[in-house]
Amino acid sequence: MKVVIQNKLKKRYLPIKHIRALVTTAAEAVLAAEKVEFPVLVSVLLVENDEIRRINAEYRKKDSVTDVLSFPMLDMEDGSFITEPTEIDMDDGKLFLGDIVISVPRAIEQAENYGHSVERELAFLTVHGVLHLLGYDHNIPEREEKMKKRQEEILESIGLPR
């Protein structure tokens, strides 16, 4: 597995090396929990609130700041392929799952509001994003419960429970 992390932050919130390690660990935990056994590539973009707002407005037509956005590249549902991937879905021998955009300032804000660590919040947003890339969703109550349960199991597995 390869996680490509781009840092577009204008300010230093936490050491970037620490954020990179945390995001990579969280993404790898999702893939291990989901038993993804093929080589994959995940792209993560770390941004400020203004940038995630711009992306949210452009791609989702929602002119508001959010915490995480996911842009899946494959046709999946709850970790299973609906349509089998082809050569076009490959990047340097790895299956490209998609892009995740995380607002670090929003994560810090939410960590304070929820009363847990920034590390836990960043890990949560990464896990949430990767699960979306694997076709998990929270669009109906049954699917939302399944996704929430999966998120908590994965976060517990890396020592960041609620």
Protein backbone atom coordinates (compact mmCIF):
# COMPACT_ATOMS: atom_id res chain seq x y z
CA MET A 1 0.00 0.00 0.00
CA LYS A 2 1.13 3.49 -0.74
CA VAL A 3 -0.29 6.63 0.84
CA VAL A 4 0.70 9.84 -0.93
CA ILE A 5 0.23 12.83 1.37
CA GLN A 6 0.35 16.37 0.03
CA ASN A 7 0.71 19.19 2.53
CA LYS A 8 -1.04 22.39 1.41
CA LEU A 9 -1.14 23.88 4.92
CA LYS A 10 -0.09 27.52 5.25
CA LYS A 11 0.51 27.16 8.98
CA ARG A 12 2.19 24.52 11.14
CA TYR A 13 -0.45 22.94 13.39
CA LEU A 14 1.46 19.79 14.30
CA PRO A 15 4.77 18.45 13.02
CA ILE A 16 3.99 17.30 9.47
CA LYS A 17 6.05 14.14 9.97
CA HIS A 18 3.73 13.21 12.86
CA ILE A 19 0.60 13.90 10.76
CA ARG A 20 1.98 11.83 7.86
CA ALA A 21 2.75 8.87 10.15
CA LEU A 22 -0.69 9.04 11.78
CA VAL A 23 -2.58 9.28 8.47
CA THR A 24 -0.56 6.41 7.00
CA THR A 25 -1.15 4.21 10.07
CA ALA A 26 -4.89 4.91 10.01
CA ALA A 27 -5.17 4.20 6.26
CA GLU A 28 -3.18 0.97 6.60
CA ALA A 29 -5.41 -0.11 9.50
CA VAL A 30 -8.51 0.27 7.33
CA LEU A 31 -7.01 -1.81 4.53
CA ALA A 32 -5.88 -4.50 6.99
CA ALA A 33 -9.31 -4.60 8.66
CA GLU A 34 -11.00 -4.82 5.27
CA LYS A 35 -8.55 -7.55 4.21
CA VAL A 36 -7.43 -5.66 1.11
CA GLU A 37 -4.67 -7.92 -0.18
CA PHE A 38 -3.78 -6.18 -3.44
CA PRO A 39 -1.42 -3.20 -3.74
CA VAL A 40 -3.32 0.09 -3.53
CA LEU A 41 -2.64 3.79 -3.74
CA VAL A 42 -4.48 6.42 -1.68
CA SER A 43 -3.95 10.16 -2.09
CA VAL A 44 -4.45 12.45 0.93
CA LEU A 45 -4.45 16.24 0.71
CA LEU A 46 -4.03 18.25 3.94
CA VAL A 47 -5.63 21.69 3.59
CA GLU A 48 -6.86 24.81 5.33
CA ASN A 49 -10.57 25.59 5.82
CA ASP A 50 -10.75 27.95 2.83
CA GLU A 51 -9.41 25.27 0.48
CA ILE A 52 -11.77 22.50 1.64
CA ARG A 53 -14.65 24.98 1.35
CA ARG A 54 -13.64 25.74 -2.25
CA ILE A 55 -13.39 22.03 -3.12
CA ASN A 56 -16.71 21.28 -1.39
CA ALA A 57 -18.41 24.08 -3.36
CA GLU A 58 -16.87 23.02 -6.66
CA TYR A 59 -17.48 19.27 -6.46
CA ARG A 60 -20.45 18.91 -4.11
CA LYS A 61 -22.15 22.27 -4.66
CA LYS A 62 -22.03 22.90 -0.88
CA ASP A 63 -20.46 26.25 -0.06
CA SER A 64 -19.34 25.36 3.46
CA VAL A 65 -16.31 24.19 5.39
CA THR A 66 -16.30 20.47 6.11
CA ASP A 67 -13.81 18.18 7.83
CA VAL A 68 -13.13 15.52 5.19
CA LEU A 69 -14.01 14.84 1.57
CA SER A 70 -13.54 11.57 -0.29
CA PHE A 71 -13.40 11.03 -4.02
CA PRO A 72 -13.56 7.28 -4.74
CA MET A 73 -12.23 6.10 -8.07
CA LEU A 74 -13.74 2.61 -8.04
CA ASP A 75 -17.25 1.21 -8.05
CA MET A 76 -17.47 -0.44 -4.61
CA GLU A 77 -19.96 -1.02 -1.82
CA ASP A 78 -18.94 -1.86 1.75
CA GLY A 79 -15.49 -3.06 0.71
CA SER A 80 -16.58 -5.20 -2.27
CA PHE A 81 -16.28 -4.40 -5.95
CA ILE A 82 -19.51 -3.77 -7.81
CA THR A 83 -17.52 -3.46 -11.04
CA GLU A 84 -14.15 -5.22 -11.25
CA PRO A 85 -11.23 -2.83 -11.75
CA THR A 86 -9.27 -2.75 -15.00
CA GLU A 87 -5.82 -1.58 -16.14
CA ILE A 88 -7.11 1.99 -16.32
CA ASP A 89 -7.61 1.91 -12.53
CA MET A 90 -3.93 1.16 -11.94
CA ASP A 91 -1.16 3.60 -11.10
CA ASP A 92 2.40 2.27 -11.08
CA GLY A 93 1.21 -1.28 -10.37
CA LYS A 94 -1.18 -0.18 -7.62
CA LEU A 95 -4.95 0.08 -7.68
CA PHE A 96 -5.84 3.76 -7.23
CA LEU A 97 -8.64 3.91 -4.63
CA GLY A 98 -9.08 7.68 -4.77
CA ASP A 99 -8.44 10.99 -3.05
CA ILE A 100 -9.15 12.20 0.48
CA VAL A 101 -9.05 15.87 1.50
CA ILE A 102 -8.72 16.70 5.21
CA SER A 103 -9.04 20.14 6.80
CA VAL A 104 -6.47 20.11 9.60
CA PRO A 105 -7.79 23.29 11.30
CA ARG A 106 -11.31 21.80 11.27
CA ALA A 107 -9.96 18.56 12.76
CA ILE A 108 -8.31 20.53 15.58
CA GLU A 109 -11.54 22.44 16.21
CA GLN A 110 -13.59 19.23 16.31
CA ALA A 111 -11.11 17.50 18.62
CA GLU A 112 -11.56 20.35 21.12
CA ASN A 113 -15.36 20.22 20.76
CA TYR A 114 -15.48 16.43 21.23
CA GLY A 115 -12.95 16.43 24.06
CA HIS A 116 -10.43 14.07 22.51
CA SER A 117 -6.96 14.39 21.01
CA VAL A 118 -6.18 15.93 17.64
CA GLU A 119 -4.48 12.63 16.77
CA ARG A 120 -7.73 10.75 17.36
CA GLU A 121 -9.67 13.20 15.20
CA LEU A 122 -7.16 13.08 12.33
CA ALA A 123 -7.13 9.28 12.50
CA PHE A 124 -10.94 9.23 12.55
CA LEU A 125 -11.16 11.48 9.48
CA THR A 126 -8.62 9.30 7.65
CA VAL A 127 -10.47 6.08 8.53
CA HIS A 128 -13.78 7.67 7.53
CA GLY A 129 -12.29 8.82 4.22
CA VAL A 130 -10.70 5.49 3.33
CA LEU A 131 -13.93 3.64 4.15
CA HIS A 132 -15.72 5.95 1.70
CA LEU A 133 -13.10 5.07 -0.93
CA LEU A 134 -13.98 1.41 -0.30
CA GLY A 135 -17.67 2.09 -0.88
CA TYR A 136 -18.92 2.55 2.67
CA ASP A 137 -21.52 5.26 3.10
CA HIS A 138 -23.86 6.79 5.65
CA ASN A 139 -26.69 7.69 3.31
CA ILE A 140 -29.26 5.40 5.00
CA PRO A 141 -29.47 4.34 8.68
CA GLU A 142 -28.44 0.69 8.14
CA ARG A 143 -25.36 1.64 6.14
CA GLU A 144 -24.53 4.42 8.60
CA GLU A 145 -24.55 1.98 11.52
CA LYS A 146 -22.32 -0.44 9.63
CA MET A 147 -19.85 2.35 8.80
CA LYS A 148 -19.82 3.72 12.37
CA LYS A 149 -19.16 0.25 13.78
CA ARG A 150 -16.31 -0.32 11.32
CA GLN A 151 -14.76 3.07 12.13
CA GLU A 152 -14.75 2.38 15.87
CA GLU A 153 -13.29 -1.13 15.43
CA ILE A 154 -10.46 0.23 13.30
CA LEU A 155 -9.71 3.14 15.62
CA GLU A 156 -9.61 0.76 18.59
CA SER A 157 -7.18 -1.46 16.69
CA ILE A 158 -4.67 1.42 16.50
CA GLY A 159 -5.19 2.50 20.10
CA LEU A 160 -7.43 5.52 19.46
CA PRO A 161 -10.87 4.53 20.77
CA ARG A 162 -13.59 7.00 21.69
